[in-house]
């Protein structure tokens, strides 16, 4: 894979500079009306379901919202197999797949994204895929075909799966901490507080394979990570580190004063799509709880299973009832 995810130093700077114009604040702000409309449409669909029915909120709300947003942003055709794109993006994150399954997923991704790139080369439009196809660096060079396809996979995957889990983790946290939900509804904390505490307490990316040390690093307690050694950063553990977040680091608290977390990375590697993810969550969460004030888990919390693999930090499903 050749994109910002694997690049370092000059290569990373070059790729990020090529991609950055596609993720401006203006473009994100312009998505607000569409995100609001997509949210309303999905909530209308949920409201039309039979009263008392058990609904998998991940499948019926958390999943389709960011998928529709990301498909519109990248100009993925309305009639194209969006469900197939969603499936293969999810499978990329599944570390339980066999080598044969992983190879088949890679082929499917290459075909879907290759077709998208070919369509935008033939007929450019006002979308992010067209911008990436046309992007040029200071030397007048664009991305190679490999870089382009891998970059599309990165930004589409990150723009979809991570938001699915952000929404799911926030809903789960609030439904299992009713005193926190009551506090938010009473105005004692904001939805931004909910989002940031969710990202700290249960980040969408639990761990991130595979990093390699580019130099020797000595840790505070004397351990040394040698240059070239493989690393598996555990964002989920970092968010609950008592040295960083206090003795109650494992507690979900929307009034937590320190909201720092690593859910979107750090420094020059900070996620370029973080504002869009926050926008979607800031729109969807209050709308969901306002529309369905009696929403509650349909099964005991301890029965909910995590998503497959060790990358994703979300739940495999989120069964709820929308009414008491």
C-alpha atoms as a PDB file:
ATOM      1  CA  UNK A   1       0.000   0.000   0.000  1.00  0.00           C
ATOM      2  CA  UNK A   2       1.395   3.380  -1.015  1.00  0.00           C
ATOM      3  CA  UNK A   3      -0.391   6.348   0.537  1.00  0.00           C
ATOM      4  CA  UNK A   4      -0.184   8.668   3.562  1.00  0.00           C
ATOM      5  CA  UNK A   5      -0.829   5.690   5.826  1.00  0.00           C
ATOM      6  CA  UNK A   6       2.497   4.098   4.921  1.00  0.00           C
ATOM      7  CA  UNK A   7       4.548   7.153   3.917  1.00  0.00           C
ATOM      8  CA  UNK A   8       7.006   9.011   6.134  1.00  0.00           C
ATOM      9  CA  UNK A   9       9.006  12.212   5.892  1.00  0.00           C
ATOM     10  CA  UNK A  10       9.252  13.792   2.415  1.00  0.00           C
ATOM     11  CA  UNK A  11       7.007  11.166   0.814  1.00  0.00           C
ATOM     12  CA  UNK A  12       4.303  11.803   3.401  1.00  0.00           C
ATOM     13  CA  UNK A  13       4.575  15.581   3.009  1.00  0.00           C
ATOM     14  CA  UNK A  14       4.276  15.297  -0.762  1.00  0.00           C
ATOM     15  CA  UNK A  15       1.166  13.109  -0.621  1.00  0.00           C
ATOM     16  CA  UNK A  16      -0.514  15.159   2.094  1.00  0.00           C
ATOM     17  CA  UNK A  17       0.122  18.360   0.138  1.00  0.00           C
ATOM     18  CA  UNK A  18      -1.512  16.797  -2.921  1.00  0.00           C
ATOM     19  CA  UNK A  19      -4.537  15.655  -0.927  1.00  0.00           C
ATOM     20  CA  UNK A  20      -5.043  18.633   1.401  1.00  0.00           C
ATOM     21  CA  UNK A  21      -6.905  20.843  -1.142  1.00  0.00           C
ATOM     22  CA  UNK A  22      -9.644  18.206  -1.293  1.00  0.00           C
ATOM     23  CA  UNK A  23     -10.319  18.539   2.449  1.00  0.00           C
ATOM     24  CA  UNK A  24     -10.698  22.258   3.017  1.00  0.00           C
ATOM     25  CA  UNK A  25     -12.914  23.741   5.720  1.00  0.00           C
ATOM     26  CA  UNK A  26     -15.033  25.295   2.976  1.00  0.00           C
ATOM     27  CA  UNK A  27     -15.755  21.932   1.398  1.00  0.00           C
ATOM     28  CA  UNK A  28     -16.571  20.369   4.766  1.00  0.00           C
ATOM     29  CA  UNK A  29     -18.880  23.251   5.698  1.00  0.00           C
ATOM     30  CA  UNK A  30     -20.631  22.917   2.352  1.00  0.00           C
ATOM     31  CA  UNK A  31     -21.626  19.373   3.307  1.00  0.00           C
ATOM     32  CA  UNK A  32     -23.687  20.491   6.325  1.00  0.00           C
ATOM     33  CA  UNK A  33     -27.062  20.676   4.504  1.00  0.00           C
ATOM     34  CA  UNK A  34     -26.566  17.263   2.888  1.00  0.00           C
ATOM     35  CA  UNK A  35     -25.478  15.613   6.127  1.00  0.00           C
ATOM     36  CA  UNK A  36     -28.555  17.058   7.821  1.00  0.00           C
ATOM     37  CA  UNK A  37     -30.837  15.848   5.023  1.00  0.00           C
ATOM     38  CA  UNK A  38     -29.340  12.361   4.919  1.00  0.00           C
ATOM     39  CA  UNK A  39     -29.734  12.162   8.694  1.00  0.00           C
ATOM     40  CA  UNK A  40     -33.398  13.199   8.503  1.00  0.00           C
ATOM     41  CA  UNK A  41     -34.114  10.689   5.749  1.00  0.00           C
ATOM     42  CA  UNK A  42     -32.546   7.838   7.711  1.00  0.00           C
ATOM     43  CA  UNK A  43     -34.418   8.797  10.881  1.00  0.00           C
ATOM     44  CA  UNK A  44     -37.668   8.932   8.904  1.00  0.00           C
ATOM     45  CA  UNK A  45     -36.946   5.405   7.748  1.00  0.00           C
ATOM     46  CA  UNK A  46     -36.387   4.254  11.316  1.00  0.00           C
ATOM     47  CA  UNK A  47     -39.594   5.949  12.472  1.00  0.00           C
ATOM     48  CA  UNK A  48     -41.546   4.006   9.846  1.00  0.00           C
ATOM     49  CA  UNK A  49     -40.472   0.668  11.312  1.00  0.00           C
ATOM     50  CA  UNK A  50     -42.999  -1.233  13.481  1.00  0.00           C
ATOM     51  CA  UNK A  51     -43.169   0.000  17.073  1.00  0.00           C
ATOM     52  CA  UNK A  52     -41.076  -2.086  19.429  1.00  0.00           C
ATOM     53  CA  UNK A  53     -39.115  -3.788  16.652  1.00  0.00           C
ATOM     54  CA  UNK A  54     -35.489  -4.582  17.423  1.00  0.00           C
ATOM     55  CA  UNK A  55     -33.318  -2.567  15.050  1.00  0.00           C
ATOM     56  CA  UNK A  56     -29.604  -2.954  14.432  1.00  0.00           C
ATOM     57  CA  UNK A  57     -28.667   0.710  14.609  1.00  0.00           C
ATOM     58  CA  UNK A  58     -25.242   0.012  13.132  1.00  0.00           C
ATOM     59  CA  UNK A  59     -26.793  -1.446   9.995  1.00  0.00           C
ATOM     60  CA  UNK A  60     -29.744   0.944   9.716  1.00  0.00           C
ATOM     61  CA  UNK A  61     -28.226   4.299  10.724  1.00  0.00           C
ATOM     62  CA  UNK A  62     -24.562   4.377  11.744  1.00  0.00           C
ATOM     63  CA  UNK A  63     -23.444   2.588   8.576  1.00  0.00           C
ATOM     64  CA  UNK A  64     -25.492   4.215   5.772  1.00  0.00           C
ATOM     65  CA  UNK A  65     -25.009   7.804   6.952  1.00  0.00           C
ATOM     66  CA  UNK A  66     -21.231   8.083   6.460  1.00  0.00           C
ATOM     67  CA  UNK A  67     -21.330   5.787   3.427  1.00  0.00           C
ATOM     68  CA  UNK A  68     -23.773   8.071   1.624  1.00  0.00           C
ATOM     69  CA  UNK A  69     -21.787  11.154   2.646  1.00  0.00           C
ATOM     70  CA  UNK A  70     -18.469   9.723   1.491  1.00  0.00           C
ATOM     71  CA  UNK A  71     -19.926   8.430  -1.786  1.00  0.00           C
ATOM     72  CA  UNK A  72     -21.337  11.864  -2.598  1.00  0.00           C
ATOM     73  CA  UNK A  73     -18.074  13.570  -1.682  1.00  0.00           C
ATOM     74  CA  UNK A  74     -16.069  11.311  -3.961  1.00  0.00           C
ATOM     75  CA  UNK A  75     -18.613  11.268  -6.759  1.00  0.00           C
ATOM     76  CA  UNK A  76     -19.330   7.571  -6.484  1.00  0.00           C
ATOM     77  CA  UNK A  77     -22.192   7.058  -8.975  1.00  0.00           C
ATOM     78  CA  UNK A  78     -25.705   6.734  -7.563  1.00  0.00           C
ATOM     79  CA  UNK A  79     -26.395   3.573  -9.527  1.00  0.00           C
ATOM     80  CA  UNK A  80     -23.026   1.983  -8.723  1.00  0.00           C
ATOM     81  CA  UNK A  81     -22.790  -0.865  -6.193  1.00  0.00           C
ATOM     82  CA  UNK A  82     -22.326   1.263  -3.052  1.00  0.00           C
ATOM     83  CA  UNK A  83     -23.185  -1.688  -0.858  1.00  0.00           C
ATOM     84  CA  UNK A  84     -20.322  -3.592  -2.476  1.00  0.00           C
ATOM     85  CA  UNK A  85     -17.969  -0.689  -1.783  1.00  0.00           C
ATOM     86  CA  UNK A  86     -19.113  -0.623   1.845  1.00  0.00           C
ATOM     87  CA  UNK A  87     -18.574  -4.355   2.139  1.00  0.00           C
ATOM     88  CA  UNK A  88     -15.024  -4.405   0.811  1.00  0.00           C
ATOM     89  CA  UNK A  89     -14.014  -1.351   2.847  1.00  0.00           C
ATOM     90  CA  UNK A  90     -15.255  -3.111   5.995  1.00  0.00           C
ATOM     91  CA  UNK A  91     -13.392  -6.284   5.027  1.00  0.00           C
ATOM     92  CA  UNK A  92     -10.143  -4.347   4.676  1.00  0.00           C
ATOM     93  CA  UNK A  93     -10.400  -3.630   8.426  1.00  0.00           C
ATOM     94  CA  UNK A  94     -11.092  -7.259   9.358  1.00  0.00           C
ATOM     95  CA  UNK A  95      -7.872  -8.859  10.569  1.00  0.00           C
ATOM     96  CA  UNK A  96      -9.569 -12.247  11.004  1.00  0.00           C
ATOM     97  CA  UNK A  97      -9.756 -12.762   7.225  1.00  0.00           C
ATOM     98  CA  UNK A  98      -7.803 -15.622   5.655  1.00  0.00           C
ATOM     99  CA  UNK A  99      -5.039 -14.809   3.142  1.00  0.00           C
ATOM    100  CA  UNK A 100      -7.372 -15.926   0.347  1.00  0.00           C
ATOM    101  CA  UNK A 101     -10.173 -13.677   1.581  1.00  0.00           C
ATOM    102  CA  UNK A 102      -7.788 -10.746   1.943  1.00  0.00           C
ATOM    103  CA  UNK A 103      -6.501 -11.241  -1.618  1.00  0.00           C
ATOM    104  CA  UNK A 104     -10.057 -11.364  -2.975  1.00  0.00           C
ATOM    105  CA  UNK A 105     -10.885  -8.167  -1.098  1.00  0.00           C
ATOM    106  CA  UNK A 106      -7.844  -6.409  -2.559  1.00  0.00           C
ATOM    107  CA  UNK A 107      -8.928  -7.399  -6.066  1.00  0.00           C
ATOM    108  CA  UNK A 108     -12.470  -6.172  -5.462  1.00  0.00           C
ATOM    109  CA  UNK A 109     -11.180  -2.853  -4.116  1.00  0.00           C
ATOM    110  CA  UNK A 110      -8.895  -2.383  -7.119  1.00  0.00           C
ATOM    111  CA  UNK A 111     -11.767  -3.030  -9.535  1.00  0.00           C
ATOM    112  CA  UNK A 112     -14.231  -0.699  -7.798  1.00  0.00           C
ATOM    113  CA  UNK A 113     -11.815   2.177  -7.312  1.00  0.00           C
ATOM    114  CA  UNK A 114     -10.175   1.658 -10.698  1.00  0.00           C
ATOM    115  CA  UNK A 115     -13.576   2.042 -12.353  1.00  0.00           C
ATOM    116  CA  UNK A 116     -14.233   5.206 -10.343  1.00  0.00           C
ATOM    117  CA  UNK A 117     -10.903   6.750 -11.367  1.00  0.00           C
ATOM    118  CA  UNK A 118     -11.459   5.862 -15.030  1.00  0.00           C
ATOM    119  CA  UNK A 119     -14.907   7.470 -14.953  1.00  0.00           C
ATOM    120  CA  UNK A 120     -13.554  10.694 -13.423  1.00  0.00           C
ATOM    121  CA  UNK A 121     -10.696  10.864 -15.893  1.00  0.00           C
ATOM    122  CA  UNK A 122     -13.212  10.617 -18.716  1.00  0.00           C
ATOM    123  CA  UNK A 123     -15.690  13.059 -17.159  1.00  0.00           C
ATOM    124  CA  UNK A 124     -14.246  15.159 -14.314  1.00  0.00           C
ATOM    125  CA  UNK A 125     -16.754  16.638 -11.889  1.00  0.00           C
ATOM    126  CA  UNK A 126     -16.865  18.710  -8.711  1.00  0.00           C
ATOM    127  CA  UNK A 127     -15.923  15.865  -6.389  1.00  0.00           C
ATOM    128  CA  UNK A 128     -12.898  14.688  -4.435  1.00  0.00           C
ATOM    129  CA  UNK A 129     -11.966  11.875  -6.821  1.00  0.00           C
ATOM    130  CA  UNK A 130     -11.688  14.339  -9.692  1.00  0.00           C
ATOM    131  CA  UNK A 131      -9.604  16.653  -7.505  1.00  0.00           C
ATOM    132  CA  UNK A 132      -7.215  13.847  -6.593  1.00  0.00           C
ATOM    133  CA  UNK A 133      -6.910  12.731 -10.221  1.00  0.00           C
ATOM    134  CA  UNK A 134      -6.001  16.290 -11.243  1.00  0.00           C
ATOM    135  CA  UNK A 135      -3.750  17.103  -8.251  1.00  0.00           C
ATOM    136  CA  UNK A 136      -0.152  18.073  -9.073  1.00  0.00           C
ATOM    137  CA  UNK A 137       2.838  18.754  -6.835  1.00  0.00           C
ATOM    138  CA  UNK A 138       5.367  21.593  -7.133  1.00  0.00           C
ATOM    139  CA  UNK A 139       7.152  19.656  -9.862  1.00  0.00           C
ATOM    140  CA  UNK A 140       3.966  19.242 -11.857  1.00  0.00           C
ATOM    141  CA  UNK A 141       3.720  15.548 -10.998  1.00  0.00           C
ATOM    142  CA  UNK A 142       0.509  13.853  -9.971  1.00  0.00           C
ATOM    143  CA  UNK A 143       0.084  10.685  -7.968  1.00  0.00           C
ATOM    144  CA  UNK A 144       1.036   7.408  -9.561  1.00  0.00           C
ATOM    145  CA  UNK A 145      -1.835   5.038 -10.313  1.00  0.00           C
ATOM    146  CA  UNK A 146      -0.882   2.971  -7.257  1.00  0.00           C
ATOM    147  CA  UNK A 147      -0.752   6.043  -5.029  1.00  0.00           C
ATOM    148  CA  UNK A 148      -4.089   7.260  -6.355  1.00  0.00           C
ATOM    149  CA  UNK A 149      -5.946   3.992  -5.802  1.00  0.00           C
ATOM    150  CA  UNK A 150      -4.385   3.463  -2.382  1.00  0.00           C
ATOM    151  CA  UNK A 151      -5.157   7.046  -1.380  1.00  0.00           C
ATOM    152  CA  UNK A 152      -8.784   6.615  -2.385  1.00  0.00           C
ATOM    153  CA  UNK A 153      -8.951   3.430  -0.343  1.00  0.00           C
ATOM    154  CA  UNK A 154      -7.441   5.221   2.644  1.00  0.00           C
ATOM    155  CA  UNK A 155      -9.688   8.277   2.616  1.00  0.00           C
ATOM    156  CA  UNK A 156     -12.879   6.402   1.718  1.00  0.00           C
ATOM    157  CA  UNK A 157     -12.183   3.703   4.291  1.00  0.00           C
ATOM    158  CA  UNK A 158     -11.185   6.151   6.998  1.00  0.00           C
ATOM    159  CA  UNK A 159     -14.077   8.424   6.112  1.00  0.00           C
ATOM    160  CA  UNK A 160     -16.597   5.627   6.439  1.00  0.00           C
ATOM    161  CA  UNK A 161     -15.669   2.877   8.894  1.00  0.00           C
ATOM    162  CA  UNK A 162     -14.276   5.166  11.568  1.00  0.00           C
ATOM    163  CA  UNK A 163     -17.412   7.319  11.571  1.00  0.00           C
ATOM    164  CA  UNK A 164     -19.609   4.221  11.752  1.00  0.00           C
ATOM    165  CA  UNK A 165     -17.829   3.248  14.952  1.00  0.00           C
ATOM    166  CA  UNK A 166     -17.738   6.784  16.341  1.00  0.00           C
ATOM    167  CA  UNK A 167     -21.530   6.937  16.085  1.00  0.00           C
ATOM    168  CA  UNK A 168     -21.990   3.439  17.477  1.00  0.00           C
ATOM    169  CA  UNK A 169     -19.580   3.920  20.358  1.00  0.00           C
ATOM    170  CA  UNK A 170     -21.193   7.225  21.326  1.00  0.00           C
ATOM    171  CA  UNK A 171     -24.698   5.737  21.314  1.00  0.00           C
ATOM    172  CA  UNK A 172     -23.521   2.712  23.296  1.00  0.00           C
ATOM    173  CA  UNK A 173     -21.736   4.921  25.831  1.00  0.00           C
ATOM    174  CA  UNK A 174     -24.795   7.103  26.395  1.00  0.00           C
ATOM    175  CA  UNK A 175     -27.235   4.197  26.619  1.00  0.00           C
ATOM    176  CA  UNK A 176     -25.041   2.429  29.170  1.00  0.00           C
ATOM    177  CA  UNK A 177     -24.414   5.651  31.120  1.00  0.00           C
ATOM    178  CA  UNK A 178     -27.916   7.128  31.441  1.00  0.00           C
ATOM    179  CA  UNK A 179     -26.759   9.750  33.936  1.00  0.00           C
ATOM    180  CA  UNK A 180     -24.423  11.109  31.252  1.00  0.00           C
ATOM    181  CA  UNK A 181     -27.213  11.213  28.678  1.00  0.00           C
ATOM    182  CA  UNK A 182     -29.434  13.022  31.181  1.00  0.00           C
ATOM    183  CA  UNK A 183     -26.665  15.545  31.759  1.00  0.00           C
ATOM    184  CA  UNK A 184     -26.338  16.240  28.033  1.00  0.00           C
ATOM    185  CA  UNK A 185     -30.091  16.617  27.604  1.00  0.00           C
ATOM    186  CA  UNK A 186     -30.174  19.073  30.512  1.00  0.00           C
ATOM    187  CA  UNK A 187     -27.474  21.208  28.921  1.00  0.00           C
ATOM    188  CA  UNK A 188     -24.782  20.279  31.433  1.00  0.00           C
ATOM    189  CA  UNK A 189     -22.510  19.094  28.632  1.00  0.00           C
ATOM    190  CA  UNK A 190     -22.457  19.573  24.876  1.00  0.00           C
ATOM    191  CA  UNK A 191     -22.617  17.082  22.045  1.00  0.00           C
ATOM    192  CA  UNK A 192     -19.052  18.101  21.236  1.00  0.00           C
ATOM    193  CA  UNK A 193     -18.151  16.921  24.742  1.00  0.00           C
ATOM    194  CA  UNK A 194     -19.860  13.594  24.009  1.00  0.00           C
ATOM    195  CA  UNK A 195     -17.918  13.186  20.773  1.00  0.00           C
ATOM    196  CA  UNK A 196     -14.508  13.987  22.245  1.00  0.00           C
ATOM    197  CA  UNK A 197     -15.052  11.803  25.318  1.00  0.00           C
ATOM    198  CA  UNK A 198     -16.189   8.941  23.087  1.00  0.00           C
ATOM    199  CA  UNK A 199     -13.069   9.311  20.959  1.00  0.00           C
ATOM    200  CA  UNK A 200     -10.936   9.121  24.102  1.00  0.00           C
ATOM    201  CA  UNK A 201     -12.867   6.388  25.921  1.00  0.00           C
ATOM    202  CA  UNK A 202     -13.561   4.151  22.920  1.00  0.00           C
ATOM    203  CA  UNK A 203     -11.735   5.272  19.752  1.00  0.00           C
ATOM    204  CA  UNK A 204     -12.891   3.998  16.370  1.00  0.00           C
ATOM    205  CA  UNK A 205      -9.415   2.652  15.666  1.00  0.00           C
ATOM    206  CA  UNK A 206      -8.352   0.483  18.599  1.00  0.00           C
ATOM    207  CA  UNK A 207      -4.895  -0.294  17.228  1.00  0.00           C
ATOM    208  CA  UNK A 208      -2.999   0.584  14.084  1.00  0.00           C
ATOM    209  CA  UNK A 209      -0.797  -1.975  12.325  1.00  0.00           C
ATOM    210  CA  UNK A 210       1.923  -1.899  11.363  1.00  0.00           C
ATOM    211  CA  UNK A 211       4.345   0.876  12.262  1.00  0.00           C
ATOM    212  CA  UNK A 212       8.143   0.703  12.314  1.00  0.00           C
ATOM    213  CA  UNK A 213      10.473   2.824  14.413  1.00  0.00           C
ATOM    214  CA  UNK A 214      12.478   5.208  12.209  1.00  0.00           C
ATOM    215  CA  UNK A 215      14.985   5.830  14.993  1.00  0.00           C
ATOM    216  CA  UNK A 216      15.831   4.494  18.455  1.00  0.00           C
ATOM    217  CA  UNK A 217      13.245   5.645  20.996  1.00  0.00           C
ATOM    218  CA  UNK A 218      13.792   5.449  24.754  1.00  0.00           C
ATOM    219  CA  UNK A 219      10.596   5.194  26.771  1.00  0.00           C
ATOM    220  CA  UNK A 220      10.118   6.864  30.188  1.00  0.00           C
ATOM    221  CA  UNK A 221      10.833   3.677  32.148  1.00  0.00           C
ATOM    222  CA  UNK A 222      14.038   2.893  30.295  1.00  0.00           C
ATOM    223  CA  UNK A 223      12.813   0.497  27.607  1.00  0.00           C
ATOM    224  CA  UNK A 224      14.304   1.145  24.178  1.00  0.00           C
ATOM    225  CA  UNK A 225      12.523   0.585  20.875  1.00  0.00           C
ATOM    226  CA  UNK A 226      15.210   0.038  18.269  1.00  0.00           C
ATOM    227  CA  UNK A 227      15.165   1.526  14.803  1.00  0.00           C
ATOM    228  CA  UNK A 228      13.401  -0.847  12.422  1.00  0.00           C
ATOM    229  CA  UNK A 229      11.422  -2.691  15.085  1.00  0.00           C
ATOM    230  CA  UNK A 230       7.736  -3.291  14.419  1.00  0.00           C
ATOM    231  CA  UNK A 231       5.175  -1.451  16.534  1.00  0.00           C
ATOM    232  CA  UNK A 232       1.470  -1.855  17.178  1.00  0.00           C
ATOM    233  CA  UNK A 233       0.169   1.435  18.630  1.00  0.00           C
ATOM    234  CA  UNK A 234      -2.818   0.822  20.911  1.00  0.00           C
ATOM    235  CA  UNK A 235      -4.993   3.924  20.719  1.00  0.00           C
ATOM    236  CA  UNK A 236      -7.654   2.298  22.885  1.00  0.00           C
ATOM    237  CA  UNK A 237      -5.111   1.803  25.678  1.00  0.00           C
ATOM    238  CA  UNK A 238      -3.700   5.325  25.332  1.00  0.00           C
ATOM    239  CA  UNK A 239      -7.150   6.824  25.827  1.00  0.00           C
ATOM    240  CA  UNK A 240      -7.494   5.081  29.190  1.00  0.00           C
ATOM    241  CA  UNK A 241      -3.982   5.725  30.471  1.00  0.00           C
ATOM    242  CA  UNK A 242      -4.313   6.928  34.095  1.00  0.00           C
ATOM    243  CA  UNK A 243      -1.039   8.847  33.807  1.00  0.00           C
ATOM    244  CA  UNK A 244      -2.645  10.974  31.100  1.00  0.00           C
ATOM    245  CA  UNK A 245      -6.296  11.011  32.133  1.00  0.00           C
ATOM    246  CA  UNK A 246      -6.284  10.442  35.880  1.00  0.00           C
ATOM    247  CA  UNK A 247      -7.352   7.630  38.155  1.00  0.00           C
ATOM    248  CA  UNK A 248     -10.823   7.576  36.570  1.00  0.00           C
ATOM    249  CA  UNK A 249      -9.494   7.170  33.023  1.00  0.00           C
ATOM    250  CA  UNK A 250     -11.676   4.094  32.447  1.00  0.00           C
ATOM    251  CA  UNK A 251     -14.812   6.096  33.281  1.00  0.00           C
ATOM    252  CA  UNK A 252     -16.951   7.676  30.553  1.00  0.00           C
ATOM    253  CA  UNK A 253     -17.408  11.279  31.709  1.00  0.00           C
ATOM    254  CA  UNK A 254     -18.641  13.932  29.280  1.00  0.00           C
ATOM    255  CA  UNK A 255     -17.582  16.675  31.707  1.00  0.00           C
ATOM    256  CA  UNK A 256     -13.952  15.575  31.696  1.00  0.00           C
ATOM    257  CA  UNK A 257     -11.795  18.692  31.621  1.00  0.00           C
ATOM    258  CA  UNK A 258      -8.923  17.245  29.584  1.00  0.00           C
ATOM    259  CA  UNK A 259     -10.239  16.075  26.212  1.00  0.00           C
ATOM    260  CA  UNK A 260      -6.938  15.192  24.552  1.00  0.00           C
ATOM    261  CA  UNK A 261      -6.843  11.884  22.702  1.00  0.00           C
ATOM    262  CA  UNK A 262      -5.095  10.125  19.830  1.00  0.00           C
ATOM    263  CA  UNK A 263      -8.206   8.915  18.005  1.00  0.00           C
ATOM    264  CA  UNK A 264      -7.325  11.039  14.958  1.00  0.00           C
ATOM    265  CA  UNK A 265      -3.573  10.613  15.214  1.00  0.00           C
ATOM    266  CA  UNK A 266      -1.061  13.302  16.099  1.00  0.00           C
ATOM    267  CA  UNK A 267       1.077  16.018  14.559  1.00  0.00           C
ATOM    268  CA  UNK A 268       1.725  15.836  10.825  1.00  0.00           C
ATOM    269  CA  UNK A 269      -0.141  12.517  10.766  1.00  0.00           C
ATOM    270  CA  UNK A 270      -3.343  13.944  12.258  1.00  0.00           C
ATOM    271  CA  UNK A 271      -6.331  12.672  10.276  1.00  0.00           C
ATOM    272  CA  UNK A 272      -7.123  15.029   7.429  1.00  0.00           C
ATOM    273  CA  UNK A 273     -10.803  14.026   7.519  1.00  0.00           C
ATOM    274  CA  UNK A 274     -11.362  14.599  11.250  1.00  0.00           C
ATOM    275  CA  UNK A 275     -13.549  17.704  10.730  1.00  0.00           C
ATOM    276  CA  UNK A 276     -15.921  15.715   8.506  1.00  0.00           C
ATOM    277  CA  UNK A 277     -16.234  12.884  11.046  1.00  0.00           C
ATOM    278  CA  UNK A 278     -16.988  15.386  13.793  1.00  0.00           C
ATOM    279  CA  UNK A 279     -19.547  17.123  11.578  1.00  0.00           C
ATOM    280  CA  UNK A 280     -21.398  13.875  10.931  1.00  0.00           C
ATOM    281  CA  UNK A 281     -21.411  12.918  14.612  1.00  0.00           C
ATOM    282  CA  UNK A 282     -22.399  16.439  15.694  1.00  0.00           C
ATOM    283  CA  UNK A 283     -25.355  16.249  13.321  1.00  0.00           C
ATOM    284  CA  UNK A 284     -26.455  12.646  13.778  1.00  0.00           C
ATOM    285  CA  UNK A 285     -26.247  12.132  17.534  1.00  0.00           C
ATOM    286  CA  UNK A 286     -28.497  14.964  18.765  1.00  0.00           C
ATOM    287  CA  UNK A 287     -30.955  14.285  15.941  1.00  0.00           C
ATOM    288  CA  UNK A 288     -31.185  10.601  16.886  1.00  0.00           C
ATOM    289  CA  UNK A 289     -31.783  11.201  20.592  1.00  0.00           C
ATOM    290  CA  UNK A 290     -34.224  14.040  19.934  1.00  0.00           C
ATOM    291  CA  UNK A 291     -36.248  11.951  17.491  1.00  0.00           C
ATOM    292  CA  UNK A 292     -36.231   8.864  19.719  1.00  0.00           C
ATOM    293  CA  UNK A 293     -35.968   9.984  23.363  1.00  0.00           C
ATOM    294  CA  UNK A 294     -36.817   6.483  24.642  1.00  0.00           C
ATOM    295  CA  UNK A 295     -34.189   4.631  22.610  1.00  0.00           C
ATOM    296  CA  UNK A 296     -32.581   1.828  24.621  1.00  0.00           C
ATOM    297  CA  UNK A 297     -30.498  -1.309  24.131  1.00  0.00           C
ATOM    298  CA  UNK A 298     -32.519  -4.365  23.146  1.00  0.00           C
ATOM    299  CA  UNK A 299     -30.074  -6.783  24.796  1.00  0.00           C
ATOM    300  CA  UNK A 300     -27.813  -6.616  27.858  1.00  0.00           C
ATOM    301  CA  UNK A 301     -24.670  -4.623  27.117  1.00  0.00           C
ATOM    302  CA  UNK A 302     -22.418  -7.557  27.968  1.00  0.00           C
ATOM    303  CA  UNK A 303     -23.951  -9.579  25.120  1.00  0.00           C
ATOM    304  CA  UNK A 304     -22.726  -7.167  22.444  1.00  0.00           C
ATOM    305  CA  UNK A 305     -19.733  -8.473  20.513  1.00  0.00           C
ATOM    306  CA  UNK A 306     -16.846  -6.370  19.197  1.00  0.00           C
ATOM    307  CA  UNK A 307     -16.251  -5.983  15.482  1.00  0.00           C
ATOM    308  CA  UNK A 308     -13.947  -8.548  13.874  1.00  0.00           C
ATOM    309  CA  UNK A 309     -10.207  -8.139  14.195  1.00  0.00           C
ATOM    310  CA  UNK A 310      -8.070  -5.857  16.323  1.00  0.00           C
ATOM    311  CA  UNK A 311      -8.089  -2.678  14.211  1.00  0.00           C
ATOM    312  CA  UNK A 312     -11.685  -1.514  14.531  1.00  0.00           C
ATOM    313  CA  UNK A 313     -12.801  -0.362  17.959  1.00  0.00           C
ATOM    314  CA  UNK A 314     -16.542  -0.683  17.441  1.00  0.00           C
ATOM    315  CA  UNK A 315     -19.302  -3.221  17.920  1.00  0.00           C
ATOM    316  CA  UNK A 316     -20.357  -5.855  15.412  1.00  0.00           C
ATOM    317  CA  UNK A 317     -23.990  -4.811  15.891  1.00  0.00           C
ATOM    318  CA  UNK A 318     -26.011  -2.412  18.029  1.00  0.00           C
ATOM    319  CA  UNK A 319     -29.524  -3.795  18.602  1.00  0.00           C
ATOM    320  CA  UNK A 320     -31.903  -1.181  20.018  1.00  0.00           C
ATOM    321  CA  UNK A 321     -35.575  -0.452  20.475  1.00  0.00           C
ATOM    322  CA  UNK A 322     -36.604   3.076  19.612  1.00  0.00           C
ATOM    323  CA  UNK A 323     -39.590   3.260  21.950  1.00  0.00           C
ATOM    324  CA  UNK A 324     -40.174   2.275  25.566  1.00  0.00           C
END
